[in-house]
Protein backbone atom coordinates (compact mmCIF):
# COMPACT_ATOMS: atom_id res chain seq x y z
CA MET A 1 0.00 0.00 0.00
CA THR A 2 1.10 3.58 -0.56
CA ASP A 3 0.66 6.82 1.32
CA ASP A 4 -0.99 8.68 -1.55
CA GLU A 5 -4.28 10.48 -0.96
CA GLY A 6 -7.29 8.24 -1.48
CA THR A 7 -5.37 5.00 -0.85
CA PRO A 8 -5.92 2.93 2.33
CA ASN A 9 -3.10 4.79 4.10
CA GLY A 10 -3.81 8.20 2.56
CA PRO A 11 -5.45 11.17 4.32
CA ASP A 12 -8.48 11.14 2.01
CA HIS A 13 -9.24 7.43 2.38
CA GLU A 14 -11.56 7.60 5.40
CA ALA A 15 -13.33 10.68 4.04
CA LEU A 16 -14.08 8.77 0.84
CA ARG A 17 -14.87 5.51 2.62
CA VAL A 18 -17.75 7.02 4.58
CA LEU A 19 -19.42 8.10 1.34
CA ILE A 20 -20.15 4.45 0.47
CA GLY A 21 -23.29 4.32 2.66
CA PRO A 22 -24.99 7.31 0.99
CA TYR A 23 -23.72 6.05 -2.38
CA VAL A 24 -25.49 2.68 -2.20
CA LEU A 25 -28.67 4.45 -1.02
CA GLY A 26 -28.56 6.78 -4.05
CA ARG A 27 -28.18 9.84 -1.79
CA LEU A 28 -24.76 11.03 -2.93
CA ASP A 29 -24.53 14.12 -5.13
CA PRO A 30 -23.02 13.72 -8.63
CA GLY A 31 -19.69 15.37 -7.72
CA ASP A 32 -19.05 13.12 -4.73
CA THR A 33 -20.29 10.13 -6.74
CA ALA A 34 -17.68 10.71 -9.43
CA THR A 35 -14.91 11.18 -6.84
CA LEU A 36 -15.88 8.01 -4.98
CA GLU A 37 -16.07 5.92 -8.15
CA VAL A 38 -12.53 6.95 -9.09
CA HIS A 39 -11.41 5.88 -5.61
CA LEU A 40 -13.26 2.54 -5.88
CA ASP A 41 -11.33 1.73 -9.03
CA THR A 42 -8.07 1.73 -7.02
CA CYS A 43 -9.13 0.65 -3.51
CA ALA A 44 -9.91 -3.04 -2.89
CA SER A 45 -10.87 -2.33 0.73
CA CYS A 46 -13.61 0.12 -0.25
CA ARG A 47 -14.82 -2.19 -3.02
CA ALA A 48 -15.24 -4.90 -0.38
CA ASP A 49 -17.27 -2.45 1.76
CA LEU A 50 -19.39 -1.61 -1.28
CA ALA A 51 -20.10 -5.29 -1.96
CA GLU A 52 -21.12 -5.76 1.69
CA LEU A 53 -23.44 -2.75 1.83
CA THR A 54 -25.17 -3.10 -1.54
CA PRO A 55 -27.52 -5.98 -0.49
CA VAL A 56 -28.60 -3.98 2.58
CA ALA A 57 -29.45 -1.02 0.37
CA GLY A 58 -31.48 -3.39 -1.80
CA ALA A 59 -33.41 -4.52 1.28
CA LEU A 60 -34.26 -0.91 2.14
CA ALA A 61 -35.40 -0.27 -1.43
CA ASP A 62 -37.46 -3.45 -1.23
CA VAL A 63 -39.40 -2.09 1.75
CA ARG A 64 -40.04 1.17 -0.12
CA GLY A 65 -41.50 -0.68 -3.08
CA ARG A 66 -43.79 -3.09 -1.26
CA ALA A 67 -47.50 -2.35 -0.95
CA PRO A 68 -49.19 -2.30 2.50
CA ALA A 69 -52.12 -4.66 3.03
CA LEU A 70 -53.41 -3.51 6.43
CA ALA A 71 -52.14 -0.07 7.34
CA GLU A 72 -49.86 2.64 6.05
CA PRO A 73 -46.46 3.10 7.78
CA PRO A 74 -45.23 6.64 8.46
CA ALA A 75 -44.70 8.39 5.13
CA ASP A 76 -41.26 9.62 6.07
CA LEU A 77 -40.02 6.35 7.61
CA LEU A 78 -37.46 5.46 4.95
CA ASP A 79 -36.38 9.07 4.56
CA ARG A 80 -35.58 9.14 8.29
CA VAL A 81 -33.65 5.88 7.98
CA GLY A 82 -31.73 7.18 5.00
CA ALA A 83 -30.90 10.40 6.86
CA ALA A 84 -29.66 8.40 9.85
CA VAL A 85 -27.40 6.28 7.65
CA GLU A 86 -26.06 9.39 5.95
CA ALA A 87 -25.35 10.96 9.34
CA GLU A 88 -23.42 7.87 10.34
CA GLY A 89 -21.38 8.30 7.20
CA ARG A 90 -20.08 11.64 8.45
CA ARG A 91 -18.26 9.94 11.32
CA ALA A 92 -15.08 9.71 9.31
CA ARG A 93 -13.11 7.60 11.77
CA ARG A 94 -15.77 4.97 12.48
CA PRO A 95 -14.42 1.49 11.51
CA ALA A 96 -15.98 -0.10 8.44
CA ALA A 97 -17.44 -2.98 10.48
CA TRP A 98 -19.34 -0.53 12.69
CA ARG A 99 -20.62 1.39 9.69
CA THR A 100 -21.85 -1.83 8.09
CA ALA A 101 -23.54 -2.81 11.33
CA GLY A 102 -25.18 0.62 11.44
CA VAL A 103 -26.74 0.19 8.01
CA ALA A 104 -27.86 -3.34 8.84
CA ALA A 105 -29.40 -2.05 12.07
CA ALA A 106 -31.21 0.62 10.08
CA ALA A 107 -32.67 -2.07 7.83
CA ALA A 108 -33.76 -4.03 10.90
CA ALA A 109 -35.34 -0.87 12.32
CA VAL A 110 -37.40 -0.51 9.17
CA ALA A 111 -38.66 -4.07 9.53
CA VAL A 112 -39.59 -3.50 13.19
CA ALA A 113 -41.35 -0.22 12.44
CA VAL A 114 -43.35 -1.80 9.63
CA THR A 115 -44.35 -4.69 11.89
CA LEU A 116 -45.50 -2.35 14.66
CA THR A 117 -47.75 -0.46 12.25
CA GLY A 118 -49.56 -3.71 11.46
CA VAL A 119 -48.48 -3.75 7.83
CA ARG A 120 -48.31 -7.12 6.11
CA LEU A 121 -45.99 -6.86 3.12
CA ALA A 122 -46.00 -9.15 0.12
CA GLU A 123 -43.56 -9.02 -2.79
CA PRO A 124 -45.36 -9.08 -6.15
CA PRO A 125 -43.95 -11.54 -8.65
CA PRO A 126 -41.02 -10.12 -10.64
CA GLY A 127 -41.58 -8.92 -14.18
CA PRO A 128 -40.63 -11.05 -17.20
CA PHE A 129 -37.02 -11.72 -18.17
CA GLU A 130 -35.98 -9.21 -20.85
CA PRO A 131 -32.98 -10.13 -23.05
CA VAL A 132 -30.69 -7.15 -23.69
CA PRO A 133 -27.78 -6.74 -26.12
CA VAL A 134 -24.20 -6.80 -24.81
CA ALA A 135 -21.29 -5.16 -26.65
CA VAL A 136 -17.95 -6.61 -25.51
CA ALA A 137 -14.70 -4.64 -25.79
CA ALA A 138 -12.39 -7.19 -24.11
CA PRO A 139 -10.56 -9.76 -26.27
CA GLY A 140 -11.62 -13.35 -25.60
CA VAL A 141 -14.75 -12.38 -23.65
CA THR A 142 -18.24 -13.48 -24.70
CA ALA A 143 -21.33 -12.36 -22.82
CA SER A 144 -25.10 -12.29 -22.93
CA ALA A 145 -27.53 -10.74 -20.48
CA GLY A 146 -31.09 -9.99 -19.57
CA VAL A 147 -32.85 -7.86 -16.99
CA VAL A 148 -35.71 -8.55 -14.63
CA PRO A 149 -37.68 -5.63 -13.15
CA HIS A 150 -38.54 -5.71 -9.46
CA THR A 151 -40.34 -3.32 -7.15
CA TRP A 152 -37.02 -2.52 -5.45
CA GLY A 153 -34.94 -2.01 -8.61
CA VAL A 154 -33.60 -4.00 -11.53
CA GLU A 155 -31.78 -7.35 -11.64
CA VAL A 156 -29.14 -7.96 -14.30
CA ARG A 157 -28.50 -11.61 -15.16
CA LEU A 158 -25.11 -11.80 -16.83
CA SER A 159 -23.79 -14.96 -18.52
CA ALA A 160 -20.18 -14.79 -19.68
CA ARG A 161 -16.83 -16.44 -20.09
CA GLY A 162 -13.35 -15.11 -20.76
CA PHE A 163 -13.00 -12.61 -17.92
CA ASP A 164 -9.53 -13.16 -16.44
CA ALA A 165 -9.66 -15.82 -13.71
CA GLY A 166 -9.33 -14.34 -10.23
CA ASP A 167 -9.64 -10.71 -11.33
CA ARG A 168 -12.41 -8.56 -9.88
CA TYR A 169 -14.93 -6.74 -12.03
CA ARG A 170 -17.51 -4.12 -11.09
CA VAL A 171 -20.97 -3.72 -12.63
CA VAL A 172 -22.96 -0.50 -12.68
CA VAL A 173 -26.45 0.19 -13.98
CA LEU A 174 -26.68 3.39 -16.03
CA GLY A 175 -29.58 5.59 -15.00
CA GLU A 176 -31.52 7.76 -17.40
CA ASP A 177 -30.44 10.64 -15.16
CA GLY A 178 -26.83 10.15 -16.30
CA ARG A 179 -25.65 8.58 -13.04
CA SER A 180 -24.12 5.15 -12.48
CA TYR A 181 -25.68 2.94 -9.81
CA PRO A 182 -23.70 0.08 -8.19
CA ALA A 183 -24.94 -3.41 -9.04
CA GLY A 184 -22.24 -5.53 -7.39
CA GLU A 185 -18.99 -7.25 -8.31
CA PHE A 186 -17.84 -10.63 -9.59
CA VAL A 187 -14.58 -12.57 -9.95
CA GLY A 188 -13.56 -13.71 -13.42
CA THR A 189 -13.59 -17.44 -14.17
CA GLY A 190 -11.37 -17.52 -17.26
CA SER A 191 -12.59 -19.99 -19.89
CA ARG A 192 -15.20 -21.47 -17.55
CA PRO A 193 -18.76 -20.13 -18.02
CA MET A 194 -20.32 -18.11 -15.23
CA VAL A 195 -23.75 -16.72 -14.44
CA CYS A 196 -24.11 -13.67 -12.18
CA ASN A 197 -27.28 -12.17 -10.70
CA LEU A 198 -26.51 -8.50 -10.11
CA ASN A 199 -28.91 -6.14 -8.38
CA SER A 200 -29.26 -2.37 -8.41
CA SER A 201 -31.71 -0.06 -6.67
CA VAL A 202 -32.54 1.90 -9.83
CA LEU A 203 -35.96 0.98 -11.23
CA ARG A 204 -36.24 -0.53 -14.71
CA ALA A 205 -38.12 2.51 -15.98
CA ASP A 206 -35.16 4.67 -14.95
CA ALA A 207 -32.41 2.32 -16.19
CA GLY A 208 -30.76 2.83 -19.57
CA GLY A 209 -28.16 0.05 -19.55
CA PHE A 210 -25.22 -1.40 -17.66
CA GLU A 211 -21.43 -1.52 -17.82
CA VAL A 212 -18.81 -4.02 -16.66
CA LEU A 213 -15.57 -2.34 -15.54
CA ASP A 214 -12.19 -3.67 -14.49
CA THR A 215 -10.24 -2.37 -11.48
CA ALA A 216 -8.72 0.38 -13.63
CA GLY A 217 -12.18 1.66 -14.54
CA THR A 218 -11.99 0.48 -18.16
CA VAL A 219 -15.37 -0.49 -19.62
CA LEU A 220 -15.09 -4.07 -20.89
CA ALA A 221 -18.74 -4.69 -21.73
CA ARG A 222 -21.75 -2.44 -22.15
CA SER A 223 -25.47 -2.90 -22.69
CA THR A 224 -28.06 -0.34 -23.75
CA PHE A 225 -31.65 -1.14 -22.75
CA ALA A 226 -34.63 -0.52 -24.99
CA PRO A 227 -37.21 1.86 -23.51
CA PRO A 228 -39.53 -0.08 -21.20
CA ARG A 229 -42.93 -0.98 -22.48
CA ALA A 230 -45.72 1.32 -21.37
């Protein structure tokens, strides 16, 4: 490791690390988003934090999308949870494990609050699988993909082979608002085929495609989605 700014030993590392919570919740402004994504391309530690926090963010989005059957929870419940997580993110010296626990606790708090309001939540069946084109820019890589819309966001099902075995790759969903939303990571399997289910909190109607990037931030594969059916 080096002592450069933004690296695990650098003075900017913790300041960037605490932006991951707001980032996975979609609450980070575009300037900070761009700065953090540059840092993620070079910091394995923060990428590991991102991979750990992304499913929790999906759980929070899931609660937002579900329909109440008995009673309506407080309208600002998830906004309060999101604000609490963002406030935790400002504690720049809090260890990553504590920050992760804080987000998980926030998700648990949502579940408890929903239960106390007497709401019975049921997940509607997911929408149909939608094949999407994939343009590959990496030699030796072949890939196909499809998306499945959910109430909490969009699922990308990626089938591929040829990504370098053992190397890490990051997937982002491209929003119609011009932002990139994290959808998870995978490890290349070389010549062996792989299937990845990648999830992002951007809704299908707001998603314009996805990209697969290596640790240097180079786009190795890209998909552009057709406009969703009305």
